[in-house]
């Protein structure tokens, strides 16, 4: 993520989305001190009044998980869309924040331009050599996977051993505890430790599949498929 700074607080965030500099409605709400719902409403009011091709280039609705792990909508906002959205924002810091965001977009675009113009200093490996390198990578990755899965099993067993108490029942007996805090803690205690194991295990499996697929593609390209 690339960031630009014109003053110490806040720091506007601009990052690459589909290869283009962009921010999000969450970031806009955060740095302009607005409710996210209000920013979403402003965007939705803009969309019917703009050409479809402008909307398609500058606003993309996606989902994210909030603090309660519930799916919520937000917008990825590209430069022209950002300029249009915040054009009417006012307030003591609004101008400074707008300038900081513009600088962040400029910095990201300059960085992309430098990368495009930079020549490669070393030639790419021939396809056949890549197959050999990928074979070695898979071997080392399998060693890493075995070690990781073994350690995960040990940690999971330790968690199960330490989590044998009826914490949820005991929390229910604390009348002075804030109900919202109690609910969050009770919910977290209900998480199954094997979920984390499964997520990491699935990630390791997908990584190996990616290595195998890359090796197969390089074999085809080297005429050995």
C-alpha atoms as a PDB file:
ATOM      1  CA  UNK A   1       0.000   0.000   0.000  1.00  0.00           C
ATOM      2  CA  UNK A   2       1.308   3.448  -0.900  1.00  0.00           C
ATOM      3  CA  UNK A   3       0.486   6.461   1.244  1.00  0.00           C
ATOM      4  CA  UNK A   4       1.158  10.180   0.926  1.00  0.00           C
ATOM      5  CA  UNK A   5       1.306  12.692   3.739  1.00  0.00           C
ATOM      6  CA  UNK A   6       0.840  16.447   3.657  1.00  0.00           C
ATOM      7  CA  UNK A   7       0.320  16.766   7.405  1.00  0.00           C
ATOM      8  CA  UNK A   8       0.733  14.494  10.402  1.00  0.00           C
ATOM      9  CA  UNK A   9      -2.890  13.560  11.073  1.00  0.00           C
ATOM     10  CA  UNK A  10      -4.727  11.931   9.379  1.00  0.00           C
ATOM     11  CA  UNK A  11      -2.908   9.834   6.766  1.00  0.00           C
ATOM     12  CA  UNK A  12      -5.072   9.167   3.691  1.00  0.00           C
ATOM     13  CA  UNK A  13      -4.692   5.696   2.259  1.00  0.00           C
ATOM     14  CA  UNK A  14      -4.445   4.899  -1.457  1.00  0.00           C
ATOM     15  CA  UNK A  15      -3.679   1.391  -2.711  1.00  0.00           C
ATOM     16  CA  UNK A  16      -3.801  -0.628  -5.923  1.00  0.00           C
ATOM     17  CA  UNK A  17      -7.087  -2.229  -6.973  1.00  0.00           C
ATOM     18  CA  UNK A  18      -7.041  -4.034 -10.316  1.00  0.00           C
ATOM     19  CA  UNK A  19      -3.778  -2.268 -11.075  1.00  0.00           C
ATOM     20  CA  UNK A  20      -5.160   1.244 -10.495  1.00  0.00           C
ATOM     21  CA  UNK A  21      -4.767   3.625  -7.534  1.00  0.00           C
ATOM     22  CA  UNK A  22      -7.926   3.733  -5.428  1.00  0.00           C
ATOM     23  CA  UNK A  23      -9.280   4.306  -1.948  1.00  0.00           C
ATOM     24  CA  UNK A  24     -12.452   2.976  -0.286  1.00  0.00           C
ATOM     25  CA  UNK A  25     -15.625   4.435   1.155  1.00  0.00           C
ATOM     26  CA  UNK A  26     -14.474   3.217   4.589  1.00  0.00           C
ATOM     27  CA  UNK A  27     -11.247   5.211   4.285  1.00  0.00           C
ATOM     28  CA  UNK A  28     -13.111   8.310   3.105  1.00  0.00           C
ATOM     29  CA  UNK A  29     -15.508   8.058   6.054  1.00  0.00           C
ATOM     30  CA  UNK A  30     -12.624   7.586   8.483  1.00  0.00           C
ATOM     31  CA  UNK A  31     -10.476  10.494   7.351  1.00  0.00           C
ATOM     32  CA  UNK A  32     -13.312  12.972   6.741  1.00  0.00           C
ATOM     33  CA  UNK A  33     -14.927  12.106  10.080  1.00  0.00           C
ATOM     34  CA  UNK A  34     -18.195  10.896   8.555  1.00  0.00           C
ATOM     35  CA  UNK A  35     -20.440   7.897   9.140  1.00  0.00           C
ATOM     36  CA  UNK A  36     -19.836   5.191   6.583  1.00  0.00           C
ATOM     37  CA  UNK A  37     -23.597   4.977   5.946  1.00  0.00           C
ATOM     38  CA  UNK A  38     -23.584   8.651   4.984  1.00  0.00           C
ATOM     39  CA  UNK A  39     -20.696   8.171   2.551  1.00  0.00           C
ATOM     40  CA  UNK A  40     -22.511   5.207   0.968  1.00  0.00           C
ATOM     41  CA  UNK A  41     -25.643   7.335   0.655  1.00  0.00           C
ATOM     42  CA  UNK A  42     -23.684  10.130  -1.052  1.00  0.00           C
ATOM     43  CA  UNK A  43     -22.224   7.689  -3.571  1.00  0.00           C
ATOM     44  CA  UNK A  44     -25.610   6.138  -4.296  1.00  0.00           C
ATOM     45  CA  UNK A  45     -27.045   9.600  -4.878  1.00  0.00           C
ATOM     46  CA  UNK A  46     -24.253  10.358  -7.358  1.00  0.00           C
ATOM     47  CA  UNK A  47     -24.534   7.185  -9.431  1.00  0.00           C
ATOM     48  CA  UNK A  48     -27.914   7.854 -11.145  1.00  0.00           C
ATOM     49  CA  UNK A  49     -26.671  11.279 -12.254  1.00  0.00           C
ATOM     50  CA  UNK A  50     -23.417  10.088 -13.849  1.00  0.00           C
ATOM     51  CA  UNK A  51     -22.819   8.242 -17.144  1.00  0.00           C
ATOM     52  CA  UNK A  52     -22.687   4.476 -16.754  1.00  0.00           C
ATOM     53  CA  UNK A  53     -19.157   4.252 -18.132  1.00  0.00           C
ATOM     54  CA  UNK A  54     -17.980   6.838 -15.561  1.00  0.00           C
ATOM     55  CA  UNK A  55     -19.563   4.836 -12.731  1.00  0.00           C
ATOM     56  CA  UNK A  56     -18.055   1.588 -14.020  1.00  0.00           C
ATOM     57  CA  UNK A  57     -14.554   3.137 -14.116  1.00  0.00           C
ATOM     58  CA  UNK A  58     -14.746   4.904 -10.771  1.00  0.00           C
ATOM     59  CA  UNK A  59     -16.985   3.036  -8.327  1.00  0.00           C
ATOM     60  CA  UNK A  60     -16.974  -0.690  -7.555  1.00  0.00           C
ATOM     61  CA  UNK A  61     -19.175  -2.096  -4.801  1.00  0.00           C
ATOM     62  CA  UNK A  62     -17.665  -4.953  -2.770  1.00  0.00           C
ATOM     63  CA  UNK A  63     -18.322  -6.596   0.588  1.00  0.00           C
ATOM     64  CA  UNK A  64     -16.181  -6.592   3.729  1.00  0.00           C
ATOM     65  CA  UNK A  65     -16.518  -8.138   7.209  1.00  0.00           C
ATOM     66  CA  UNK A  66     -17.218  -5.662   9.994  1.00  0.00           C
ATOM     67  CA  UNK A  67     -16.191  -6.041  13.630  1.00  0.00           C
ATOM     68  CA  UNK A  68     -19.007  -8.528  14.183  1.00  0.00           C
ATOM     69  CA  UNK A  69     -17.840 -10.560  11.155  1.00  0.00           C
ATOM     70  CA  UNK A  70     -20.999  -9.554   9.309  1.00  0.00           C
ATOM     71  CA  UNK A  71     -20.841  -8.851   5.574  1.00  0.00           C
ATOM     72  CA  UNK A  72     -21.314  -5.165   4.750  1.00  0.00           C
ATOM     73  CA  UNK A  73     -21.099  -3.204   1.466  1.00  0.00           C
ATOM     74  CA  UNK A  74     -18.431  -0.650   0.682  1.00  0.00           C
ATOM     75  CA  UNK A  75     -17.174   1.028  -2.479  1.00  0.00           C
ATOM     76  CA  UNK A  76     -13.743   0.960  -4.045  1.00  0.00           C
ATOM     77  CA  UNK A  77     -13.329   4.519  -5.331  1.00  0.00           C
ATOM     78  CA  UNK A  78     -10.927   5.485  -8.100  1.00  0.00           C
ATOM     79  CA  UNK A  79      -9.433   8.935  -8.552  1.00  0.00           C
ATOM     80  CA  UNK A  80     -12.130  10.710 -10.613  1.00  0.00           C
ATOM     81  CA  UNK A  81     -14.868   9.202  -8.487  1.00  0.00           C
ATOM     82  CA  UNK A  82     -13.111  10.375  -5.344  1.00  0.00           C
ATOM     83  CA  UNK A  83     -12.789  13.908  -6.701  1.00  0.00           C
ATOM     84  CA  UNK A  84     -16.476  14.018  -7.565  1.00  0.00           C
ATOM     85  CA  UNK A  85     -17.544  12.540  -4.220  1.00  0.00           C
ATOM     86  CA  UNK A  86     -15.592  14.917  -1.971  1.00  0.00           C
ATOM     87  CA  UNK A  87     -16.063  18.042  -4.089  1.00  0.00           C
ATOM     88  CA  UNK A  88     -18.739  19.320  -1.735  1.00  0.00           C
ATOM     89  CA  UNK A  89     -17.125  18.283   1.545  1.00  0.00           C
ATOM     90  CA  UNK A  90     -16.480  21.247   3.805  1.00  0.00           C
ATOM     91  CA  UNK A  91     -15.104  21.799   7.254  1.00  0.00           C
ATOM     92  CA  UNK A  92     -11.934  22.863   9.018  1.00  0.00           C
ATOM     93  CA  UNK A  93      -9.758  19.978   7.762  1.00  0.00           C
ATOM     94  CA  UNK A  94     -11.622  19.099   4.575  1.00  0.00           C
ATOM     95  CA  UNK A  95      -9.362  21.049   2.207  1.00  0.00           C
ATOM     96  CA  UNK A  96      -6.167  19.671   3.747  1.00  0.00           C
ATOM     97  CA  UNK A  97      -7.533  16.116   3.555  1.00  0.00           C
ATOM     98  CA  UNK A  98      -8.531  16.586  -0.087  1.00  0.00           C
ATOM     99  CA  UNK A  99      -5.028  17.823  -0.933  1.00  0.00           C
ATOM    100  CA  UNK A 100      -3.458  14.929   0.950  1.00  0.00           C
ATOM    101  CA  UNK A 101      -5.561  12.407  -0.956  1.00  0.00           C
ATOM    102  CA  UNK A 102      -4.700  14.042  -4.292  1.00  0.00           C
ATOM    103  CA  UNK A 103      -1.016  13.826  -3.364  1.00  0.00           C
ATOM    104  CA  UNK A 104      -1.469  10.153  -2.454  1.00  0.00           C
ATOM    105  CA  UNK A 105      -3.066   9.417  -5.837  1.00  0.00           C
ATOM    106  CA  UNK A 106      -0.262  11.300  -7.600  1.00  0.00           C
ATOM    107  CA  UNK A 107       2.422   9.395  -5.698  1.00  0.00           C
ATOM    108  CA  UNK A 108       0.843   6.044  -6.544  1.00  0.00           C
ATOM    109  CA  UNK A 109       0.515   6.930 -10.242  1.00  0.00           C
ATOM    110  CA  UNK A 110       4.143   8.095 -10.372  1.00  0.00           C
ATOM    111  CA  UNK A 111       5.238   4.833  -8.764  1.00  0.00           C
ATOM    112  CA  UNK A 112       3.303   2.827 -11.360  1.00  0.00           C
ATOM    113  CA  UNK A 113       4.833   4.872 -14.178  1.00  0.00           C
ATOM    114  CA  UNK A 114       8.335   4.206 -12.841  1.00  0.00           C
ATOM    115  CA  UNK A 115       7.676   0.485 -12.681  1.00  0.00           C
ATOM    116  CA  UNK A 116       6.389   0.417 -16.255  1.00  0.00           C
ATOM    117  CA  UNK A 117       9.421   2.277 -17.585  1.00  0.00           C
ATOM    118  CA  UNK A 118      11.996   0.304 -15.581  1.00  0.00           C
ATOM    119  CA  UNK A 119      13.865  -2.261 -17.688  1.00  0.00           C
ATOM    120  CA  UNK A 120      14.433  -5.760 -16.383  1.00  0.00           C
ATOM    121  CA  UNK A 121      18.049  -6.172 -15.273  1.00  0.00           C
ATOM    122  CA  UNK A 122      18.091  -9.969 -15.522  1.00  0.00           C
ATOM    123  CA  UNK A 123      16.597 -12.267 -18.150  1.00  0.00           C
ATOM    124  CA  UNK A 124      13.788 -14.595 -17.171  1.00  0.00           C
ATOM    125  CA  UNK A 125      14.627 -18.240 -16.598  1.00  0.00           C
ATOM    126  CA  UNK A 126      13.956 -20.513 -19.592  1.00  0.00           C
ATOM    127  CA  UNK A 127      10.775 -22.516 -19.145  1.00  0.00           C
ATOM    128  CA  UNK A 128      12.634 -25.815 -18.700  1.00  0.00           C
ATOM    129  CA  UNK A 129      14.812 -24.277 -15.965  1.00  0.00           C
ATOM    130  CA  UNK A 130      11.700 -22.970 -14.255  1.00  0.00           C
ATOM    131  CA  UNK A 131      10.300 -26.503 -14.110  1.00  0.00           C
ATOM    132  CA  UNK A 132      13.444 -27.628 -12.321  1.00  0.00           C
ATOM    133  CA  UNK A 133      13.244 -24.675  -9.925  1.00  0.00           C
ATOM    134  CA  UNK A 134       9.551 -25.350  -9.267  1.00  0.00           C
ATOM    135  CA  UNK A 135      10.313 -28.993  -8.499  1.00  0.00           C
ATOM    136  CA  UNK A 136      12.792 -27.822  -5.873  1.00  0.00           C
ATOM    137  CA  UNK A 137      10.285 -25.259  -4.588  1.00  0.00           C
ATOM    138  CA  UNK A 138       7.626 -27.954  -4.180  1.00  0.00           C
ATOM    139  CA  UNK A 139      10.047 -30.174  -2.276  1.00  0.00           C
ATOM    140  CA  UNK A 140      10.936 -27.375   0.128  1.00  0.00           C
ATOM    141  CA  UNK A 141       7.297 -26.350   0.454  1.00  0.00           C
ATOM    142  CA  UNK A 142       6.278 -29.911   1.343  1.00  0.00           C
ATOM    143  CA  UNK A 143       8.895 -29.942   4.112  1.00  0.00           C
ATOM    144  CA  UNK A 144       7.520 -26.656   5.381  1.00  0.00           C
ATOM    145  CA  UNK A 145       3.920 -27.973   5.195  1.00  0.00           C
ATOM    146  CA  UNK A 146       4.733 -31.075   7.227  1.00  0.00           C
ATOM    147  CA  UNK A 147       6.443 -28.980   9.912  1.00  0.00           C
ATOM    148  CA  UNK A 148       3.588 -26.455   9.943  1.00  0.00           C
ATOM    149  CA  UNK A 149       0.823 -29.068  10.178  1.00  0.00           C
ATOM    150  CA  UNK A 150       2.676 -30.840  12.991  1.00  0.00           C
ATOM    151  CA  UNK A 151       3.030 -27.603  14.927  1.00  0.00           C
ATOM    152  CA  UNK A 152      -0.609 -26.702  14.268  1.00  0.00           C
ATOM    153  CA  UNK A 153      -1.731 -30.044  15.696  1.00  0.00           C
ATOM    154  CA  UNK A 154       0.361 -29.456  18.820  1.00  0.00           C
ATOM    155  CA  UNK A 155      -1.028 -25.949  19.337  1.00  0.00           C
ATOM    156  CA  UNK A 156      -4.590 -27.106  18.703  1.00  0.00           C
ATOM    157  CA  UNK A 157      -4.239 -29.873  21.295  1.00  0.00           C
ATOM    158  CA  UNK A 158      -2.820 -27.384  23.789  1.00  0.00           C
ATOM    159  CA  UNK A 159      -5.718 -24.989  23.210  1.00  0.00           C
ATOM    160  CA  UNK A 160      -8.264 -27.769  23.730  1.00  0.00           C
ATOM    161  CA  UNK A 161      -6.534 -28.794  26.960  1.00  0.00           C
ATOM    162  CA  UNK A 162      -6.541 -25.231  28.309  1.00  0.00           C
ATOM    163  CA  UNK A 163     -10.126 -24.488  27.207  1.00  0.00           C
ATOM    164  CA  UNK A 164     -11.873 -27.247  29.122  1.00  0.00           C
ATOM    165  CA  UNK A 165     -13.529 -24.903  31.646  1.00  0.00           C
ATOM    166  CA  UNK A 166     -17.163 -23.826  31.281  1.00  0.00           C
ATOM    167  CA  UNK A 167     -16.209 -20.206  30.666  1.00  0.00           C
ATOM    168  CA  UNK A 168     -19.493 -19.206  29.054  1.00  0.00           C
ATOM    169  CA  UNK A 169     -21.471 -20.467  32.061  1.00  0.00           C
ATOM    170  CA  UNK A 170     -19.157 -18.684  34.479  1.00  0.00           C
ATOM    171  CA  UNK A 171     -19.436 -15.417  32.537  1.00  0.00           C
ATOM    172  CA  UNK A 172     -23.203 -15.671  32.799  1.00  0.00           C
ATOM    173  CA  UNK A 173     -22.847 -15.481  36.564  1.00  0.00           C
ATOM    174  CA  UNK A 174     -21.183 -12.039  36.432  1.00  0.00           C
ATOM    175  CA  UNK A 175     -24.076  -9.545  36.657  1.00  0.00           C
ATOM    176  CA  UNK A 176     -21.749  -6.516  36.757  1.00  0.00           C
ATOM    177  CA  UNK A 177     -20.130  -7.217  33.397  1.00  0.00           C
ATOM    178  CA  UNK A 178     -21.244  -5.086  30.454  1.00  0.00           C
ATOM    179  CA  UNK A 179     -23.722  -7.220  28.412  1.00  0.00           C
ATOM    180  CA  UNK A 180     -22.180  -6.296  25.052  1.00  0.00           C
ATOM    181  CA  UNK A 181     -18.676  -7.163  26.273  1.00  0.00           C
ATOM    182  CA  UNK A 182     -19.983 -10.390  27.763  1.00  0.00           C
ATOM    183  CA  UNK A 183     -21.637 -11.364  24.468  1.00  0.00           C
ATOM    184  CA  UNK A 184     -18.457 -10.700  22.478  1.00  0.00           C
ATOM    185  CA  UNK A 185     -16.332 -12.728  24.889  1.00  0.00           C
ATOM    186  CA  UNK A 186     -18.839 -15.584  25.018  1.00  0.00           C
ATOM    187  CA  UNK A 187     -18.987 -15.649  21.222  1.00  0.00           C
ATOM    188  CA  UNK A 188     -15.192 -15.773  20.951  1.00  0.00           C
ATOM    189  CA  UNK A 189     -15.023 -18.603  23.474  1.00  0.00           C
ATOM    190  CA  UNK A 190     -17.441 -20.559  21.305  1.00  0.00           C
ATOM    191  CA  UNK A 191     -15.075 -20.526  18.329  1.00  0.00           C
ATOM    192  CA  UNK A 192     -13.807 -23.951  17.405  1.00  0.00           C
ATOM    193  CA  UNK A 193     -10.018 -24.150  17.408  1.00  0.00           C
ATOM    194  CA  UNK A 194     -10.017 -26.614  14.550  1.00  0.00           C
ATOM    195  CA  UNK A 195     -11.470 -23.879  12.302  1.00  0.00           C
ATOM    196  CA  UNK A 196      -8.099 -22.102  12.359  1.00  0.00           C
ATOM    197  CA  UNK A 197      -6.338 -25.398  11.658  1.00  0.00           C
ATOM    198  CA  UNK A 198      -8.610 -26.058   8.680  1.00  0.00           C
ATOM    199  CA  UNK A 199      -8.097 -22.569   7.249  1.00  0.00           C
ATOM    200  CA  UNK A 200      -4.314 -22.832   7.421  1.00  0.00           C
ATOM    201  CA  UNK A 201      -4.342 -26.414   6.147  1.00  0.00           C
ATOM    202  CA  UNK A 202      -6.510 -25.378   3.186  1.00  0.00           C
ATOM    203  CA  UNK A 203      -4.135 -22.490   2.441  1.00  0.00           C
ATOM    204  CA  UNK A 204      -1.146 -24.831   2.401  1.00  0.00           C
ATOM    205  CA  UNK A 205      -2.974 -27.193   0.042  1.00  0.00           C
ATOM    206  CA  UNK A 206      -3.905 -24.378  -2.351  1.00  0.00           C
ATOM    207  CA  UNK A 207      -0.312 -23.139  -2.378  1.00  0.00           C
ATOM    208  CA  UNK A 208       0.940 -26.573  -3.399  1.00  0.00           C
ATOM    209  CA  UNK A 209      -1.745 -26.761  -6.115  1.00  0.00           C
ATOM    210  CA  UNK A 210      -0.511 -23.391  -7.432  1.00  0.00           C
ATOM    211  CA  UNK A 211       3.097 -24.665  -7.579  1.00  0.00           C
ATOM    212  CA  UNK A 212       1.998 -27.831  -9.405  1.00  0.00           C
ATOM    213  CA  UNK A 213      -0.070 -25.771 -11.882  1.00  0.00           C
ATOM    214  CA  UNK A 214       2.867 -23.412 -12.553  1.00  0.00           C
ATOM    215  CA  UNK A 215       5.136 -26.394 -13.176  1.00  0.00           C
ATOM    216  CA  UNK A 216       2.623 -27.936 -15.596  1.00  0.00           C
ATOM    217  CA  UNK A 217       2.281 -24.637 -17.488  1.00  0.00           C
ATOM    218  CA  UNK A 218       6.043 -24.284 -17.815  1.00  0.00           C
ATOM    219  CA  UNK A 219       6.344 -27.836 -19.092  1.00  0.00           C
ATOM    220  CA  UNK A 220       3.827 -27.063 -21.815  1.00  0.00           C
ATOM    221  CA  UNK A 221       5.620 -23.842 -22.742  1.00  0.00           C
ATOM    222  CA  UNK A 222       8.978 -25.620 -22.878  1.00  0.00           C
ATOM    223  CA  UNK A 223       7.557 -28.202 -25.286  1.00  0.00           C
ATOM    224  CA  UNK A 224       7.671 -31.002 -22.731  1.00  0.00           C
ATOM    225  CA  UNK A 225       3.961 -31.058 -21.915  1.00  0.00           C
END
